[in-house]
Amino acid sequence: GMDGYDVARAFRANEALKGAFLVALSGYALPDDLQRAREAGFERHIAKPPSIEQIAQVLADFASSKPCDDPPSEKRPVELPDVPFCRFSG
């Protein structure tokens, strides 16, 4: 099976998913854990249990993040759920 780090690396390696804004939510929050999350491709790391303020900050960070380079297309190389992975311009 895959852990969250594997999933993040897979997203970053996939052309259709590489622009996803990834947030790690983990019970492990030592400096090595934060570094490992960064190296895997997560933009943010939140320790469990997250506070409302932490969640609000991550949402604000996402809302102000750089838009994806390409808008979603009708033909995608992988099936994606009907959920936006990144903010598209236009």
C-alpha atoms as a PDB file:
ATOM      1  CA  GLY A   1       0.000   0.000   0.000  1.00  0.00           C
ATOM      2  CA  MET A   2       0.863   3.651  -0.209  1.00  0.00           C
ATOM      3  CA  ASP A   3       1.318   6.045   2.670  1.00  0.00           C
ATOM      4  CA  GLY A   4       0.669   9.782   2.459  1.00  0.00           C
ATOM      5  CA  TYR A   5       4.250  10.495   1.407  1.00  0.00           C
ATOM      6  CA  ASP A   6       3.919   8.041  -1.482  1.00  0.00           C
ATOM      7  CA  VAL A   7       0.640   9.652  -2.517  1.00  0.00           C
ATOM      8  CA  ALA A   8       2.213  13.128  -2.474  1.00  0.00           C
ATOM      9  CA  ARG A   9       5.158  11.930  -4.580  1.00  0.00           C
ATOM     10  CA  ALA A  10       2.746  10.266  -7.034  1.00  0.00           C
ATOM     11  CA  PHE A  11       0.755  13.511  -7.357  1.00  0.00           C
ATOM     12  CA  ARG A  12       3.936  15.489  -8.038  1.00  0.00           C
ATOM     13  CA  ALA A  13       5.018  12.971 -10.684  1.00  0.00           C
ATOM     14  CA  ASN A  14       1.648  13.051 -12.487  1.00  0.00           C
ATOM     15  CA  GLU A  15       1.165  15.840 -15.022  1.00  0.00           C
ATOM     16  CA  ALA A  16      -2.564  16.166 -14.254  1.00  0.00           C
ATOM     17  CA  LEU A  17      -2.092  16.257 -10.476  1.00  0.00           C
ATOM     18  CA  LYS A  18       1.235  17.982  -9.928  1.00  0.00           C
ATOM     19  CA  GLY A  19      -0.424  21.344  -9.209  1.00  0.00           C
ATOM     20  CA  ALA A  20      -2.441  20.012  -6.282  1.00  0.00           C
ATOM     21  CA  PHE A  21      -2.193  21.926  -3.012  1.00  0.00           C
ATOM     22  CA  LEU A  22      -1.295  19.122  -0.609  1.00  0.00           C
ATOM     23  CA  VAL A  23      -1.631  19.342   3.148  1.00  0.00           C
ATOM     24  CA  ALA A  24      -0.287  16.650   5.465  1.00  0.00           C
ATOM     25  CA  LEU A  25      -2.401  16.030   8.555  1.00  0.00           C
ATOM     26  CA  SER A  26      -0.413  13.823  10.896  1.00  0.00           C
ATOM     27  CA  GLY A  27       0.111  12.866  14.490  1.00  0.00           C
ATOM     28  CA  TYR A  28       3.841  13.028  13.787  1.00  0.00           C
ATOM     29  CA  ALA A  29       5.226  16.564  13.894  1.00  0.00           C
ATOM     30  CA  LEU A  30       8.888  16.378  14.832  1.00  0.00           C
ATOM     31  CA  PRO A  31      11.357  18.341  12.678  1.00  0.00           C
ATOM     32  CA  ASP A  32      12.242  15.184  10.708  1.00  0.00           C
ATOM     33  CA  ASP A  33       8.544  14.568  10.007  1.00  0.00           C
ATOM     34  CA  LEU A  34       8.089  18.116   8.718  1.00  0.00           C
ATOM     35  CA  GLN A  35      11.164  17.779   6.494  1.00  0.00           C
ATOM     36  CA  ARG A  36       9.960  14.448   5.127  1.00  0.00           C
ATOM     37  CA  ALA A  37       6.568  15.990   4.300  1.00  0.00           C
ATOM     38  CA  ARG A  38       8.247  18.904   2.507  1.00  0.00           C
ATOM     39  CA  GLU A  39      10.470  16.550   0.524  1.00  0.00           C
ATOM     40  CA  ALA A  40       7.465  14.432  -0.482  1.00  0.00           C
ATOM     41  CA  GLY A  41       5.738  17.503  -1.939  1.00  0.00           C
ATOM     42  CA  PHE A  42       3.319  18.731   0.715  1.00  0.00           C
ATOM     43  CA  GLU A  43       2.826  22.519   0.856  1.00  0.00           C
ATOM     44  CA  ARG A  44       1.735  22.448   4.478  1.00  0.00           C
ATOM     45  CA  HIS A  45       1.928  20.120   7.467  1.00  0.00           C
ATOM     46  CA  ILE A  46      -0.570  20.239  10.321  1.00  0.00           C
ATOM     47  CA  ALA A  47      -0.253  18.208  13.507  1.00  0.00           C
ATOM     48  CA  LYS A  48      -3.330  16.423  14.850  1.00  0.00           C
ATOM     49  CA  PRO A  49      -5.607  17.634  16.202  1.00  0.00           C
ATOM     50  CA  PRO A  50      -5.643  20.813  14.133  1.00  0.00           C
ATOM     51  CA  SER A  51      -7.097  23.992  15.545  1.00  0.00           C
ATOM     52  CA  ILE A  52      -9.762  25.963  13.679  1.00  0.00           C
ATOM     53  CA  GLU A  53      -7.155  28.709  13.235  1.00  0.00           C
ATOM     54  CA  GLN A  54      -4.709  26.287  11.584  1.00  0.00           C
ATOM     55  CA  ILE A  55      -7.384  25.045   9.206  1.00  0.00           C
ATOM     56  CA  ALA A  56      -8.423  28.619   8.392  1.00  0.00           C
ATOM     57  CA  GLN A  57      -4.796  29.542   7.680  1.00  0.00           C
ATOM     58  CA  VAL A  58      -4.323  26.592   5.321  1.00  0.00           C
ATOM     59  CA  LEU A  59      -7.524  27.514   3.483  1.00  0.00           C
ATOM     60  CA  ALA A  60      -6.336  31.113   3.208  1.00  0.00           C
ATOM     61  CA  ASP A  61      -2.961  29.910   1.911  1.00  0.00           C
ATOM     62  CA  PHE A  62      -4.741  27.776  -0.677  1.00  0.00           C
ATOM     63  CA  ALA A  63      -7.026  30.629  -1.737  1.00  0.00           C
ATOM     64  CA  SER A  64      -4.035  32.902  -2.322  1.00  0.00           C
ATOM     65  CA  SER A  65      -1.866  30.239  -3.969  1.00  0.00           C
ATOM     66  CA  LYS A  66      -0.650  30.531  -7.529  1.00  0.00           C
ATOM     67  CA  PRO A  67      -3.282  29.342 -10.010  1.00  0.00           C
ATOM     68  CA  CYS A  68      -2.579  26.184 -11.957  1.00  0.00           C
ATOM     69  CA  ASP A  69      -0.831  26.710 -15.276  1.00  0.00           C
ATOM     70  CA  ASP A  70      -3.390  24.819 -17.325  1.00  0.00           C
ATOM     71  CA  PRO A  71      -7.174  24.823 -17.009  1.00  0.00           C
ATOM     72  CA  PRO A  72      -8.863  21.456 -16.602  1.00  0.00           C
ATOM     73  CA  SER A  73      -9.424  19.668 -19.894  1.00  0.00           C
ATOM     74  CA  GLU A  74     -12.130  17.295 -21.025  1.00  0.00           C
ATOM     75  CA  LYS A  75      -9.514  14.572 -21.603  1.00  0.00           C
ATOM     76  CA  ARG A  76      -7.431  13.847 -18.547  1.00  0.00           C
ATOM     77  CA  PRO A  77      -4.787  11.141 -18.249  1.00  0.00           C
ATOM     78  CA  VAL A  78      -6.337   9.889 -14.989  1.00  0.00           C
ATOM     79  CA  GLU A  79      -9.807   9.819 -13.519  1.00  0.00           C
ATOM     80  CA  LEU A  80     -10.229  12.612 -11.002  1.00  0.00           C
ATOM     81  CA  PRO A  81     -13.011  13.079  -8.486  1.00  0.00           C
ATOM     82  CA  ASP A  82     -15.285  16.056  -9.011  1.00  0.00           C
ATOM     83  CA  VAL A  83     -13.218  18.156  -6.587  1.00  0.00           C
ATOM     84  CA  PRO A  84     -10.902  21.027  -7.527  1.00  0.00           C
ATOM     85  CA  PHE A  85      -7.268  20.181  -6.777  1.00  0.00           C
ATOM     86  CA  CYS A  86      -6.004  23.664  -7.460  1.00  0.00           C
ATOM     87  CA  ARG A  87      -7.368  27.079  -8.238  1.00  0.00           C
ATOM     88  CA  PHE A  88      -7.640  27.685 -11.982  1.00  0.00           C
ATOM     89  CA  SER A  89      -7.413  31.165 -13.412  1.00  0.00           C
ATOM     90  CA  GLY A  90      -9.916  32.541 -15.876  1.00  0.00           C
END
